[in-house]
Amino acid sequence: MSDTRSGPKTGFFGPMKGLESARHTVERLSGGRLRASIEHDTMKGVSPEMLRWWFENIDTWTRYNGSDFTGPPVPVYRYWHPFDHIAVRWRRRVYVRGRLGPGSVIEIHEDLGGKHPVRAKARVSRFDDEAFNFDLLLGGLFRVGSLDHLYAEVEGGCSFYTEARIGLRVPIIGRFLNWIIRRQFTEELLQAWIVHNIEESGETEKFVPALFEEAQRP
């Protein structure tokens, strides 16, 4: 596993995908808001059912070593991005018909590109076989944006679209509030997040199907 920082990284399962593998944009919106979007390459061999299961179990451990399950215990979150990811956990679990659903809170610790520390909590707004969306929280309390993941079955695998929105649509004081919010959620941070998100999403097809299959065994 290597990280050159100037070229494609090599993760646990080989070269990681780069910016050229996806369509991505950062836009400035009215009122001082920002939007970043990514249309990812097809996740080969992955299904929406697998993705939902993956997000539900993103804070677990595995012995998967790339070929079988006889390796040392590893946090699955590290497999998704071995360089930037530190830890993740579900701080609050809200179940809807036996599955994690809206109202659940996840806490994320990561360093984007080794330059942008992220210590954040997010509250799930939608979670099903088509979307995993949540509100970004400032100080773990106040909504300052959103992050949406949309997925669907396509030929050969699963499509995956990600969109981050930073800022609020608030009359009169909205621009001032968004100026404060963007002091933490900067445009530079969003650009680093795009690189990070493309890299981690590209790793999904390399190990999530194996973990999902193993989890279905009686």
N, C-alpha and C. Protein backbone atom coordinates (compact mmCIF):
# COMPACT_ATOMS: atom_id res chain seq x y z
N MET A 1 0.84 -1.19 0.00
CA MET A 1 0.00 0.00 0.00
C MET A 1 0.88 1.24 0.00
N SER A 2 0.65 2.15 -0.95
CA SER A 2 1.48 3.35 -1.02
C SER A 2 0.64 4.56 -1.36
N ASP A 3 1.14 5.73 -0.97
CA ASP A 3 0.44 6.98 -1.24
C ASP A 3 1.46 7.99 -1.74
N THR A 4 1.46 8.24 -3.05
CA THR A 4 2.45 9.14 -3.61
C THR A 4 2.04 10.60 -3.47
N ARG A 5 0.74 10.86 -3.23
CA ARG A 5 0.18 12.21 -3.13
C ARG A 5 0.29 13.01 -4.43
N SER A 6 1.13 12.58 -5.36
CA SER A 6 1.26 13.30 -6.63
C SER A 6 0.71 12.49 -7.80
N GLY A 7 0.24 11.30 -7.53
CA GLY A 7 -0.29 10.44 -8.58
C GLY A 7 -1.26 9.44 -7.98
N PRO A 8 -1.69 8.45 -8.78
CA PRO A 8 -2.64 7.45 -8.29
C PRO A 8 -2.11 6.74 -7.04
N LYS A 9 -2.96 6.59 -6.07
CA LYS A 9 -2.58 5.89 -4.84
C LYS A 9 -2.81 4.39 -5.02
N THR A 10 -2.09 3.60 -4.27
CA THR A 10 -2.28 2.16 -4.26
C THR A 10 -2.79 1.77 -2.88
N GLY A 11 -4.00 1.26 -2.83
CA GLY A 11 -4.62 0.88 -1.58
C GLY A 11 -4.41 -0.59 -1.26
N PHE A 12 -5.26 -1.12 -0.41
CA PHE A 12 -5.14 -2.52 -0.01
C PHE A 12 -5.34 -3.47 -1.19
N PHE A 13 -6.13 -3.05 -2.18
CA PHE A 13 -6.50 -3.96 -3.26
C PHE A 13 -6.04 -3.48 -4.63
N GLY A 14 -4.98 -2.68 -4.66
CA GLY A 14 -4.45 -2.21 -5.93
C GLY A 14 -4.67 -0.72 -6.13
N PRO A 15 -4.40 -0.23 -7.36
CA PRO A 15 -4.52 1.21 -7.66
C PRO A 15 -5.93 1.73 -7.39
N MET A 16 -6.01 2.92 -6.82
CA MET A 16 -7.29 3.56 -6.55
C MET A 16 -7.68 4.44 -7.74
N LYS A 17 -8.97 4.65 -7.94
CA LYS A 17 -9.44 5.44 -9.06
C LYS A 17 -9.09 6.92 -8.88
N GLY A 18 -8.89 7.61 -10.00
CA GLY A 18 -8.53 9.02 -9.96
C GLY A 18 -9.66 9.91 -10.46
N LEU A 19 -9.39 11.20 -10.50
CA LEU A 19 -10.40 12.18 -10.89
C LEU A 19 -10.98 11.92 -12.28
N GLU A 20 -10.14 11.37 -13.16
CA GLU A 20 -10.59 11.17 -14.54
C GLU A 20 -11.67 10.09 -14.67
N SER A 21 -11.90 9.32 -13.62
CA SER A 21 -12.88 8.23 -13.68
C SER A 21 -14.30 8.70 -13.45
N ALA A 22 -14.49 9.98 -13.06
CA ALA A 22 -15.82 10.47 -12.71
C ALA A 22 -16.04 11.87 -13.26
N ARG A 23 -17.30 12.25 -13.39
CA ARG A 23 -17.67 13.62 -13.72
C ARG A 23 -17.91 14.38 -12.42
N HIS A 24 -17.32 15.56 -12.28
CA HIS A 24 -17.43 16.26 -11.00
C HIS A 24 -17.40 17.76 -11.22
N THR A 25 -18.11 18.47 -10.36
CA THR A 25 -18.17 19.92 -10.45
C THR A 25 -18.28 20.53 -9.06
N VAL A 26 -17.85 21.79 -8.94
CA VAL A 26 -18.12 22.61 -7.76
C VAL A 26 -18.76 23.89 -8.26
N GLU A 27 -19.92 24.23 -7.72
CA GLU A 27 -20.66 25.40 -8.18
C GLU A 27 -20.92 26.34 -7.02
N ARG A 28 -20.87 27.63 -7.31
CA ARG A 28 -21.28 28.64 -6.35
C ARG A 28 -22.74 28.98 -6.60
N LEU A 29 -23.55 28.87 -5.56
CA LEU A 29 -24.98 29.12 -5.66
C LEU A 29 -25.34 30.46 -5.03
N SER A 30 -26.57 30.86 -5.19
CA SER A 30 -27.03 32.13 -4.63
C SER A 30 -26.94 32.11 -3.10
N GLY A 31 -26.74 33.29 -2.53
CA GLY A 31 -26.70 33.41 -1.08
C GLY A 31 -25.42 32.92 -0.44
N GLY A 32 -24.38 32.70 -1.26
CA GLY A 32 -23.11 32.26 -0.70
C GLY A 32 -23.02 30.78 -0.44
N ARG A 33 -23.91 29.99 -1.06
CA ARG A 33 -23.88 28.54 -0.88
C ARG A 33 -22.97 27.87 -1.92
N LEU A 34 -22.59 26.62 -1.63
CA LEU A 34 -21.76 25.83 -2.54
C LEU A 34 -22.42 24.48 -2.81
N ARG A 35 -22.18 23.95 -4.01
CA ARG A 35 -22.64 22.60 -4.32
C ARG A 35 -21.54 21.86 -5.06
N ALA A 36 -21.23 20.68 -4.60
CA ALA A 36 -20.27 19.80 -5.28
C ALA A 36 -21.00 18.51 -5.66
N SER A 37 -20.79 18.06 -6.89
CA SER A 37 -21.46 16.85 -7.34
C SER A 37 -20.48 15.92 -8.04
N ILE A 38 -20.73 14.62 -7.91
CA ILE A 38 -19.86 13.60 -8.52
C ILE A 38 -20.73 12.51 -9.12
N GLU A 39 -20.55 12.27 -10.41
CA GLU A 39 -21.18 11.13 -11.07
C GLU A 39 -20.10 10.08 -11.25
N HIS A 40 -20.14 9.06 -10.40
CA HIS A 40 -19.07 8.07 -10.34
C HIS A 40 -19.14 7.07 -11.48
N ASP A 41 -18.01 6.43 -11.69
CA ASP A 41 -17.94 5.29 -12.59
C ASP A 41 -18.82 4.17 -12.01
N THR A 42 -19.33 3.29 -12.87
CA THR A 42 -20.15 2.17 -12.41
C THR A 42 -19.39 1.31 -11.41
N MET A 43 -20.05 0.98 -10.30
CA MET A 43 -19.47 0.07 -9.32
C MET A 43 -19.75 -1.35 -9.80
N LYS A 44 -18.73 -2.00 -10.34
CA LYS A 44 -18.91 -3.30 -10.96
C LYS A 44 -19.20 -4.39 -9.91
N GLY A 45 -20.23 -5.20 -10.19
CA GLY A 45 -20.55 -6.30 -9.30
C GLY A 45 -21.21 -5.90 -8.00
N VAL A 46 -21.58 -4.63 -7.88
CA VAL A 46 -22.22 -4.12 -6.67
C VAL A 46 -23.70 -3.89 -6.94
N SER A 47 -24.55 -4.15 -5.95
CA SER A 47 -25.98 -3.91 -6.08
C SER A 47 -26.43 -2.87 -5.05
N PRO A 48 -27.58 -2.23 -5.27
CA PRO A 48 -28.11 -1.30 -4.26
C PRO A 48 -28.28 -1.97 -2.90
N GLU A 49 -28.68 -3.24 -2.89
CA GLU A 49 -28.83 -3.97 -1.62
C GLU A 49 -27.49 -4.05 -0.89
N MET A 50 -26.41 -4.30 -1.63
CA MET A 50 -25.08 -4.36 -1.02
C MET A 50 -24.68 -3.00 -0.45
N LEU A 51 -24.98 -1.93 -1.19
CA LEU A 51 -24.60 -0.60 -0.71
C LEU A 51 -25.33 -0.24 0.56
N ARG A 52 -26.61 -0.53 0.63
CA ARG A 52 -27.35 -0.24 1.86
C ARG A 52 -26.77 -1.02 3.02
N TRP A 53 -26.50 -2.30 2.79
CA TRP A 53 -25.90 -3.13 3.84
C TRP A 53 -24.55 -2.56 4.26
N TRP A 54 -23.76 -2.11 3.29
CA TRP A 54 -22.43 -1.57 3.58
C TRP A 54 -22.52 -0.35 4.48
N PHE A 55 -23.39 0.58 4.15
CA PHE A 55 -23.51 1.79 4.97
C PHE A 55 -24.01 1.45 6.38
N GLU A 56 -24.87 0.48 6.49
CA GLU A 56 -25.36 0.08 7.81
C GLU A 56 -24.24 -0.51 8.67
N ASN A 57 -23.30 -1.18 8.01
CA ASN A 57 -22.25 -1.90 8.73
C ASN A 57 -20.87 -1.27 8.57
N ILE A 58 -20.83 0.00 8.27
CA ILE A 58 -19.58 0.70 7.97
C ILE A 58 -18.66 0.83 9.18
N ASP A 59 -19.19 0.56 10.38
CA ASP A 59 -18.39 0.70 11.60
C ASP A 59 -17.96 -0.65 12.18
N THR A 60 -18.01 -1.70 11.36
CA THR A 60 -17.66 -3.04 11.85
C THR A 60 -16.22 -3.41 11.46
N TRP A 61 -15.82 -4.61 11.83
CA TRP A 61 -14.48 -5.13 11.53
C TRP A 61 -14.60 -6.38 10.66
N THR A 62 -13.52 -6.75 9.98
CA THR A 62 -13.51 -7.94 9.15
C THR A 62 -12.13 -8.59 9.18
N ARG A 63 -12.09 -9.86 8.82
CA ARG A 63 -10.83 -10.58 8.63
C ARG A 63 -10.54 -10.82 7.15
N TYR A 64 -11.30 -10.15 6.30
CA TYR A 64 -11.09 -10.31 4.86
C TYR A 64 -9.70 -9.79 4.47
N ASN A 65 -8.97 -10.59 3.70
CA ASN A 65 -7.60 -10.22 3.31
C ASN A 65 -7.42 -10.07 1.80
N GLY A 66 -8.54 -10.01 1.08
CA GLY A 66 -8.47 -9.90 -0.37
C GLY A 66 -8.77 -11.19 -1.08
N SER A 67 -8.69 -12.31 -0.36
CA SER A 67 -8.99 -13.61 -0.96
C SER A 67 -9.87 -14.48 -0.07
N ASP A 68 -9.68 -14.41 1.25
CA ASP A 68 -10.53 -15.16 2.17
C ASP A 68 -10.65 -14.38 3.49
N PHE A 69 -11.17 -15.05 4.51
CA PHE A 69 -11.42 -14.37 5.78
C PHE A 69 -10.56 -14.94 6.90
N THR A 70 -9.29 -15.12 6.60
CA THR A 70 -8.35 -15.66 7.59
C THR A 70 -7.31 -14.63 8.02
N GLY A 71 -7.48 -13.38 7.62
CA GLY A 71 -6.52 -12.34 7.97
C GLY A 71 -6.74 -11.78 9.36
N PRO A 72 -5.92 -10.83 9.77
CA PRO A 72 -6.10 -10.16 11.06
C PRO A 72 -7.32 -9.24 11.02
N PRO A 73 -7.92 -8.93 12.16
CA PRO A 73 -9.07 -8.03 12.19
C PRO A 73 -8.70 -6.63 11.69
N VAL A 74 -9.54 -6.08 10.80
CA VAL A 74 -9.31 -4.76 10.23
C VAL A 74 -10.65 -4.00 10.23
N PRO A 75 -10.66 -2.71 10.62
CA PRO A 75 -11.90 -1.94 10.50
C PRO A 75 -12.27 -1.80 9.03
N VAL A 76 -13.50 -2.15 8.65
CA VAL A 76 -13.88 -2.08 7.24
C VAL A 76 -13.78 -0.67 6.70
N TYR A 77 -13.92 0.32 7.57
CA TYR A 77 -13.83 1.72 7.14
C TYR A 77 -12.45 2.04 6.58
N ARG A 78 -11.40 1.40 7.10
CA ARG A 78 -10.05 1.62 6.60
C ARG A 78 -9.90 1.05 5.19
N TYR A 79 -10.60 -0.03 4.89
CA TYR A 79 -10.54 -0.60 3.54
C TYR A 79 -11.13 0.38 2.51
N TRP A 80 -12.11 1.16 2.92
CA TRP A 80 -12.76 2.08 1.98
C TRP A 80 -11.82 3.19 1.56
N HIS A 81 -10.98 3.66 2.49
CA HIS A 81 -9.92 4.61 2.14
C HIS A 81 -8.79 4.47 3.17
N PRO A 82 -7.74 3.71 2.82
CA PRO A 82 -6.68 3.39 3.79
C PRO A 82 -5.83 4.57 4.22
N PHE A 83 -5.86 5.67 3.48
CA PHE A 83 -5.01 6.81 3.82
C PHE A 83 -5.75 7.89 4.62
N ASP A 84 -6.97 8.18 4.23
CA ASP A 84 -7.70 9.29 4.83
C ASP A 84 -8.59 8.90 6.01
N HIS A 85 -9.07 7.67 6.02
CA HIS A 85 -10.03 7.28 7.05
C HIS A 85 -9.34 6.94 8.37
N ILE A 86 -9.93 7.44 9.45
CA ILE A 86 -9.42 7.16 10.79
C ILE A 86 -10.41 6.29 11.56
N ALA A 87 -11.63 6.77 11.73
CA ALA A 87 -12.63 6.00 12.47
C ALA A 87 -14.02 6.50 12.11
N VAL A 88 -15.00 5.62 12.31
CA VAL A 88 -16.40 5.97 12.10
C VAL A 88 -17.23 5.17 13.09
N ARG A 89 -18.34 5.75 13.52
CA ARG A 89 -19.25 4.98 14.37
C ARG A 89 -20.65 5.59 14.31
N TRP A 90 -21.62 4.73 14.50
CA TRP A 90 -22.99 5.18 14.61
C TRP A 90 -23.21 5.65 16.05
N ARG A 91 -23.39 6.96 16.22
CA ARG A 91 -23.61 7.51 17.56
C ARG A 91 -25.04 7.31 18.03
N ARG A 92 -25.95 7.27 17.08
CA ARG A 92 -27.36 7.02 17.40
C ARG A 92 -27.95 6.16 16.32
N ARG A 93 -28.66 5.12 16.71
CA ARG A 93 -29.28 4.22 15.75
C ARG A 93 -30.80 4.30 15.89
N VAL A 94 -31.46 4.67 14.80
CA VAL A 94 -32.92 4.71 14.75
C VAL A 94 -33.35 3.67 13.72
N TYR A 95 -34.19 2.73 14.15
CA TYR A 95 -34.59 1.64 13.28
C TYR A 95 -35.99 1.86 12.74
N VAL A 96 -36.14 1.61 11.45
CA VAL A 96 -37.43 1.68 10.78
C VAL A 96 -37.67 0.33 10.12
N ARG A 97 -38.66 -0.39 10.60
CA ARG A 97 -38.95 -1.74 10.10
C ARG A 97 -37.71 -2.62 10.13
N GLY A 98 -36.94 -2.51 11.21
CA GLY A 98 -35.78 -3.38 11.43
C GLY A 98 -34.50 -2.95 10.74
N ARG A 99 -34.52 -1.82 10.02
CA ARG A 99 -33.32 -1.34 9.34
C ARG A 99 -32.99 0.08 9.84
N LEU A 100 -31.71 0.45 9.77
CA LEU A 100 -31.32 1.81 10.13
C LEU A 100 -32.03 2.81 9.24
N GLY A 101 -32.51 3.90 9.84
CA GLY A 101 -33.27 4.85 9.06
C GLY A 101 -33.05 6.29 9.48
N PRO A 102 -33.90 7.20 9.00
CA PRO A 102 -33.79 8.62 9.31
C PRO A 102 -33.75 8.88 10.82
N GLY A 103 -32.92 9.87 11.20
CA GLY A 103 -32.75 10.18 12.61
C GLY A 103 -31.50 9.58 13.20
N SER A 104 -30.95 8.56 12.55
CA SER A 104 -29.68 7.98 13.00
C SER A 104 -28.57 9.01 12.84
N VAL A 105 -27.58 8.96 13.71
CA VAL A 105 -26.47 9.92 13.66
C VAL A 105 -25.15 9.16 13.53
N ILE A 106 -24.34 9.55 12.56
CA ILE A 106 -23.04 8.93 12.34
C ILE A 106 -21.94 9.95 12.62
N GLU A 107 -20.84 9.48 13.20
CA GLU A 107 -19.70 10.35 13.51
C GLU A 107 -18.50 9.89 12.68
N ILE A 108 -17.84 10.82 12.01
CA ILE A 108 -16.77 10.51 11.06
C ILE A 108 -15.49 11.22 11.46
N HIS A 109 -14.39 10.47 11.48
CA HIS A 109 -13.05 11.04 11.69
C HIS A 109 -12.20 10.67 10.48
N GLU A 110 -11.73 11.69 9.75
CA GLU A 110 -10.87 11.43 8.61
C GLU A 110 -10.05 12.67 8.30
N ASP A 111 -8.97 12.48 7.56
CA ASP A 111 -8.11 13.58 7.12
C ASP A 111 -8.07 13.55 5.59
N LEU A 112 -8.72 14.49 4.94
CA LEU A 112 -8.80 14.48 3.49
C LEU A 112 -7.47 14.89 2.87
N GLY A 113 -6.87 13.98 2.13
CA GLY A 113 -5.60 14.26 1.49
C GLY A 113 -4.48 14.55 2.46
N GLY A 114 -4.67 14.20 3.71
CA GLY A 114 -3.66 14.46 4.73
C GLY A 114 -3.56 15.92 5.13
N LYS A 115 -4.49 16.78 4.63
CA LYS A 115 -4.41 18.21 4.86
C LYS A 115 -5.65 18.79 5.54
N HIS A 116 -6.77 18.12 5.42
CA HIS A 116 -8.03 18.68 5.90
C HIS A 116 -8.67 17.74 6.92
N PRO A 117 -8.43 17.98 8.22
CA PRO A 117 -9.05 17.14 9.24
C PRO A 117 -10.57 17.33 9.26
N VAL A 118 -11.29 16.22 9.28
CA VAL A 118 -12.75 16.26 9.38
C VAL A 118 -13.15 15.47 10.61
N ARG A 119 -13.78 16.15 11.55
CA ARG A 119 -14.32 15.52 12.76
C ARG A 119 -15.77 15.96 12.82
N ALA A 120 -16.66 15.17 12.27
CA ALA A 120 -18.02 15.65 12.04
C ALA A 120 -19.07 14.61 12.41
N LYS A 121 -20.27 15.13 12.68
CA LYS A 121 -21.44 14.29 12.88
C LYS A 121 -22.47 14.64 11.81
N ALA A 122 -23.21 13.64 11.40
CA ALA A 122 -24.24 13.85 10.38
C ALA A 122 -25.49 13.06 10.77
N ARG A 123 -26.64 13.63 10.48
CA ARG A 123 -27.93 13.02 10.83
C ARG A 123 -28.61 12.51 9.56
N VAL A 124 -28.95 11.25 9.53
CA VAL A 124 -29.55 10.63 8.35
C VAL A 124 -30.93 11.22 8.08
N SER A 125 -31.17 11.62 6.83
CA SER A 125 -32.46 12.15 6.41
C SER A 125 -33.23 11.15 5.54
N ARG A 126 -32.51 10.27 4.86
CA ARG A 126 -33.13 9.22 4.06
C ARG A 126 -32.17 8.05 3.96
N PHE A 127 -32.70 6.82 4.07
CA PHE A 127 -31.85 5.64 4.00
C PHE A 127 -32.69 4.47 3.51
N ASP A 128 -32.46 4.05 2.27
CA ASP A 128 -33.20 2.94 1.70
C ASP A 128 -32.39 2.32 0.56
N ASP A 129 -33.03 1.56 -0.31
CA ASP A 129 -32.32 0.88 -1.39
C ASP A 129 -32.03 1.78 -2.59
N GLU A 130 -32.33 3.08 -2.46
CA GLU A 130 -32.05 4.03 -3.54
C GLU A 130 -31.20 5.20 -3.09
N ALA A 131 -31.13 5.48 -1.79
CA ALA A 131 -30.42 6.66 -1.32
C ALA A 131 -29.94 6.51 0.13
N PHE A 132 -28.80 7.14 0.40
CA PHE A 132 -28.27 7.30 1.75
C PHE A 132 -27.91 8.78 1.88
N ASN A 133 -28.82 9.54 2.49
CA ASN A 133 -28.66 10.99 2.57
C ASN A 133 -28.59 11.43 4.02
N PHE A 134 -27.83 12.49 4.28
CA PHE A 134 -27.83 13.02 5.64
C PHE A 134 -27.54 14.51 5.68
N ASP A 135 -27.91 15.10 6.81
CA ASP A 135 -27.66 16.51 7.07
C ASP A 135 -26.31 16.67 7.73
N LEU A 136 -25.50 17.61 7.26
CA LEU A 136 -24.23 17.93 7.88
C LEU A 136 -24.48 18.83 9.08
N LEU A 137 -23.85 18.51 10.22
CA LEU A 137 -24.12 19.22 11.45
C LEU A 137 -22.87 19.97 11.93
N LEU A 138 -23.02 21.22 12.26
CA LEU A 138 -21.94 22.01 12.83
C LEU A 138 -21.99 21.87 14.33
N GLY A 139 -20.87 21.43 14.92
CA GLY A 139 -20.84 21.20 16.36
C GLY A 139 -21.74 20.06 16.78
N GLY A 140 -22.12 19.23 15.82
CA GLY A 140 -22.98 18.09 16.13
C GLY A 140 -24.43 18.46 16.36
N LEU A 141 -24.79 19.76 16.13
CA LEU A 141 -26.13 20.22 16.49
C LEU A 141 -26.86 20.91 15.35
N PHE A 142 -26.18 21.84 14.65
CA PHE A 142 -26.86 22.73 13.72
C PHE A 142 -26.65 22.29 12.27
N ARG A 143 -27.74 22.18 11.52
CA ARG A 143 -27.65 21.78 10.12
C ARG A 143 -27.03 22.90 9.30
N VAL A 144 -25.97 22.58 8.57
CA VAL A 144 -25.28 23.58 7.75
C VAL A 144 -25.17 23.14 6.29
N GLY A 145 -25.73 21.99 5.97
CA GLY A 145 -25.66 21.50 4.60
C GLY A 145 -26.17 20.08 4.53
N SER A 146 -25.94 19.44 3.40
CA SER A 146 -26.41 18.08 3.20
C SER A 146 -25.44 17.30 2.33
N LEU A 147 -25.52 15.99 2.44
CA LEU A 147 -24.72 15.10 1.60
C LEU A 147 -25.61 13.95 1.17
N ASP A 148 -25.80 13.81 -0.14
CA ASP A 148 -26.70 12.80 -0.69
C ASP A 148 -25.92 11.77 -1.49
N HIS A 149 -26.28 10.50 -1.31
CA HIS A 149 -25.75 9.41 -2.12
C HIS A 149 -26.94 8.73 -2.79
N LEU A 150 -26.95 8.69 -4.11
CA LEU A 150 -28.03 8.06 -4.86
C LEU A 150 -27.46 6.90 -5.67
N TYR A 151 -28.12 5.76 -5.62
CA TYR A 151 -27.61 4.58 -6.32
C TYR A 151 -28.75 3.80 -6.95
N ALA A 152 -28.42 3.09 -8.04
CA ALA A 152 -29.43 2.32 -8.77
C ALA A 152 -28.73 1.20 -9.53
N GLU A 153 -29.47 0.12 -9.75
CA GLU A 153 -28.92 -1.00 -10.50
C GLU A 153 -28.80 -0.63 -11.97
N VAL A 154 -27.64 -0.91 -12.55
CA VAL A 154 -27.40 -0.71 -13.98
C VAL A 154 -26.71 -1.95 -14.52
N GLU A 155 -26.55 -2.01 -15.82
CA GLU A 155 -25.87 -3.16 -16.42
C GLU A 155 -24.45 -3.29 -15.88
N GLY A 156 -24.16 -4.43 -15.32
CA GLY A 156 -22.81 -4.71 -14.82
C GLY A 156 -22.56 -4.28 -13.39
N GLY A 157 -23.54 -3.61 -12.77
CA GLY A 157 -23.29 -3.19 -11.39
C GLY A 157 -24.26 -2.15 -10.90
N CYS A 158 -23.71 -1.07 -10.33
CA CYS A 158 -24.53 -0.06 -9.68
C CYS A 158 -24.02 1.34 -10.03
N SER A 159 -24.94 2.25 -10.37
CA SER A 159 -24.56 3.64 -10.54
C SER A 159 -24.46 4.29 -9.17
N PHE A 160 -23.67 5.37 -9.08
CA PHE A 160 -23.47 6.03 -7.79
C PHE A 160 -23.26 7.51 -8.03
N TYR A 161 -24.13 8.32 -7.45
CA TYR A 161 -24.06 9.78 -7.59
C TYR A 161 -24.01 10.40 -6.21
N THR A 162 -23.09 11.33 -6.00
CA THR A 162 -22.92 11.98 -4.71
C THR A 162 -23.01 13.49 -4.88
N GLU A 163 -23.73 14.13 -3.97
CA GLU A 163 -23.85 15.59 -4.03
C GLU A 163 -23.77 16.19 -2.63
N ALA A 164 -22.89 17.16 -2.46
CA ALA A 164 -22.76 17.89 -1.20
C ALA A 164 -23.23 19.32 -1.40
N ARG A 165 -24.05 19.80 -0.48
CA ARG A 165 -24.50 21.19 -0.50
C ARG A 165 -24.09 21.85 0.81
N ILE A 166 -23.39 22.96 0.70
CA ILE A 166 -22.91 23.68 1.87
C ILE A 166 -23.62 25.02 1.95
N GLY A 167 -24.23 25.31 3.12
CA GLY A 167 -24.92 26.57 3.30
C GLY A 167 -26.42 26.39 3.44
N LEU A 168 -27.09 27.48 3.81
CA LEU A 168 -28.52 27.46 4.08
C LEU A 168 -29.25 28.49 3.23
N ARG A 169 -30.50 28.22 2.92
CA ARG A 169 -31.36 29.18 2.24
C ARG A 169 -32.21 29.86 3.30
N VAL A 170 -31.72 30.96 3.82
CA VAL A 170 -32.38 31.68 4.90
C VAL A 170 -32.56 33.14 4.47
N PRO A 171 -33.78 33.70 4.61
CA PRO A 171 -33.99 35.10 4.22
C PRO A 171 -33.15 36.07 5.05
N ILE A 172 -32.77 37.14 4.46
CA ILE A 172 -32.11 38.29 5.09
C ILE A 172 -30.70 37.98 5.57
N ILE A 173 -30.58 37.08 6.55
CA ILE A 173 -29.25 36.83 7.15
C ILE A 173 -28.55 35.62 6.54
N GLY A 174 -29.15 35.03 5.50
CA GLY A 174 -28.60 33.81 4.93
C GLY A 174 -27.17 33.96 4.43
N ARG A 175 -26.89 35.05 3.72
CA ARG A 175 -25.54 35.25 3.18
C ARG A 175 -24.51 35.36 4.30
N PHE A 176 -24.87 36.03 5.39
CA PHE A 176 -23.95 36.16 6.52
C PHE A 176 -23.72 34.81 7.19
N LEU A 177 -24.79 34.05 7.39
CA LEU A 177 -24.65 32.73 7.99
C LEU A 177 -23.78 31.83 7.12
N ASN A 178 -23.98 31.90 5.82
CA ASN A 178 -23.21 31.06 4.91
C ASN A 178 -21.74 31.47 4.87
N TRP A 179 -21.46 32.75 5.07
CA TRP A 179 -20.07 33.20 5.17
C TRP A 179 -19.40 32.55 6.38
N ILE A 180 -20.13 32.45 7.49
CA ILE A 180 -19.59 31.80 8.69
C ILE A 180 -19.39 30.31 8.43
N ILE A 181 -20.39 29.66 7.83
CA ILE A 181 -20.32 28.23 7.55
C ILE A 181 -19.15 27.90 6.64
N ARG A 182 -18.93 28.76 5.63
CA ARG A 182 -17.88 28.49 4.65
C ARG A 182 -16.48 28.76 5.19
N ARG A 183 -16.38 29.35 6.33
CA ARG A 183 -15.07 29.47 6.97
C ARG A 183 -14.56 28.10 7.41
N GLN A 184 -15.49 27.17 7.66
CA GLN A 184 -15.12 25.79 8.00
C GLN A 184 -15.24 24.87 6.80
N PHE A 185 -16.32 25.00 6.04
CA PHE A 185 -16.53 24.17 4.85
C PHE A 185 -16.13 24.98 3.62
N THR A 186 -14.83 25.06 3.38
CA THR A 186 -14.30 25.92 2.32
C THR A 186 -14.38 25.25 0.95
N GLU A 187 -14.18 26.05 -0.10
CA GLU A 187 -14.15 25.51 -1.45
C GLU A 187 -12.95 24.58 -1.63
N GLU A 188 -11.85 24.91 -0.97
CA GLU A 188 -10.67 24.04 -1.02
C GLU A 188 -10.97 22.69 -0.39
N LEU A 189 -11.72 22.71 0.71
CA LEU A 189 -12.12 21.46 1.36
C LEU A 189 -12.99 20.63 0.43
N LEU A 190 -13.92 21.27 -0.27
CA LEU A 190 -14.78 20.55 -1.20
C LEU A 190 -13.99 19.90 -2.33
N GLN A 191 -12.99 20.61 -2.85
CA GLN A 191 -12.15 20.04 -3.90
C GLN A 191 -11.41 18.81 -3.39
N ALA A 192 -10.90 18.88 -2.16
CA ALA A 192 -10.22 17.72 -1.56
C ALA A 192 -11.21 16.59 -1.32
N TRP A 193 -12.43 16.95 -0.94
CA TRP A 193 -13.46 15.93 -0.71
C TRP A 193 -13.80 15.19 -2.00
N ILE A 194 -13.83 15.89 -3.13
CA ILE A 194 -14.13 15.24 -4.40
C ILE A 194 -13.10 14.16 -4.71
N VAL A 195 -11.82 14.49 -4.56
CA VAL A 195 -10.76 13.51 -4.78
C VAL A 195 -10.96 12.32 -3.84
N HIS A 196 -11.17 12.62 -2.58
CA HIS A 196 -11.36 11.57 -1.56
C HIS A 196 -12.55 10.68 -1.90
N ASN A 197 -13.67 11.30 -2.25
CA ASN A 197 -14.89 10.54 -2.50
C ASN A 197 -14.77 9.63 -3.71
N ILE A 198 -14.09 10.12 -4.75
CA ILE A 198 -13.87 9.28 -5.93
C ILE A 198 -12.99 8.09 -5.58
N GLU A 199 -11.97 8.34 -4.78
CA GLU A 199 -11.06 7.25 -4.39
C GLU A 199 -11.77 6.21 -3.54
N GLU A 200 -12.51 6.64 -2.52
CA GLU A 200 -13.16 5.67 -1.64
C GLU A 200 -14.28 4.92 -2.36
N SER A 201 -15.06 5.63 -3.17
CA SER A 201 -16.15 4.98 -3.88
C SER A 201 -15.63 3.94 -4.87
N GLY A 202 -14.46 4.22 -5.44
CA GLY A 202 -13.86 3.27 -6.37
C GLY A 202 -13.40 1.99 -5.71
N GLU A 203 -13.13 2.05 -4.41
CA GLU A 203 -12.71 0.85 -3.68
C GLU A 203 -13.87 -0.09 -3.38
N THR A 204 -15.10 0.42 -3.41
CA THR A 204 -16.27 -0.35 -3.00
C THR A 204 -16.36 -1.69 -3.70
N GLU A 205 -16.19 -1.70 -5.00
CA GLU A 205 -16.36 -2.93 -5.78
C GLU A 205 -15.30 -3.98 -5.46
N LYS A 206 -14.21 -3.56 -4.81
CA LYS A 206 -13.09 -4.47 -4.57
C LYS A 206 -13.27 -5.34 -3.33
N PHE A 207 -14.17 -4.94 -2.43
CA PHE A 207 -14.29 -5.74 -1.20
C PHE A 207 -15.71 -5.85 -0.64
N VAL A 208 -16.59 -4.88 -0.92
CA VAL A 208 -17.93 -4.92 -0.35
C VAL A 208 -18.72 -6.15 -0.80
N PRO A 209 -18.69 -6.56 -2.10
CA PRO A 209 -19.41 -7.77 -2.46
C PRO A 209 -18.97 -9.00 -1.68
N ALA A 210 -17.67 -9.13 -1.40
CA ALA A 210 -17.17 -10.27 -0.63
C ALA A 210 -17.67 -10.22 0.81
N LEU A 211 -17.64 -9.02 1.41
CA LEU A 211 -18.13 -8.87 2.79
C LEU A 211 -19.62 -9.15 2.87
N PHE A 212 -20.36 -8.67 1.88
CA PHE A 212 -21.81 -8.88 1.86
C PHE A 212 -22.14 -10.36 1.74
N GLU A 213 -21.45 -11.04 0.82
CA GLU A 213 -21.69 -12.48 0.64
C GLU A 213 -21.39 -13.25 1.92
N GLU A 214 -20.29 -12.91 2.57
CA GLU A 214 -19.92 -13.60 3.81
C GLU A 214 -20.96 -13.37 4.90
N ALA A 215 -21.52 -12.15 4.94
CA ALA A 215 -22.51 -11.81 5.97
C ALA A 215 -23.82 -12.58 5.77
N GLN A 216 -24.09 -13.04 4.54
CA GLN A 216 -25.33 -13.77 4.27
C GLN A 216 -25.25 -15.24 4.64
N ARG A 217 -24.06 -15.71 4.95
CA ARG A 217 -23.90 -17.12 5.27
C ARG A 217 -24.58 -17.42 6.60
N PRO A 218 -25.26 -18.57 6.69
CA PRO A 218 -25.96 -18.93 7.94
C PRO A 218 -24.97 -19.23 9.06
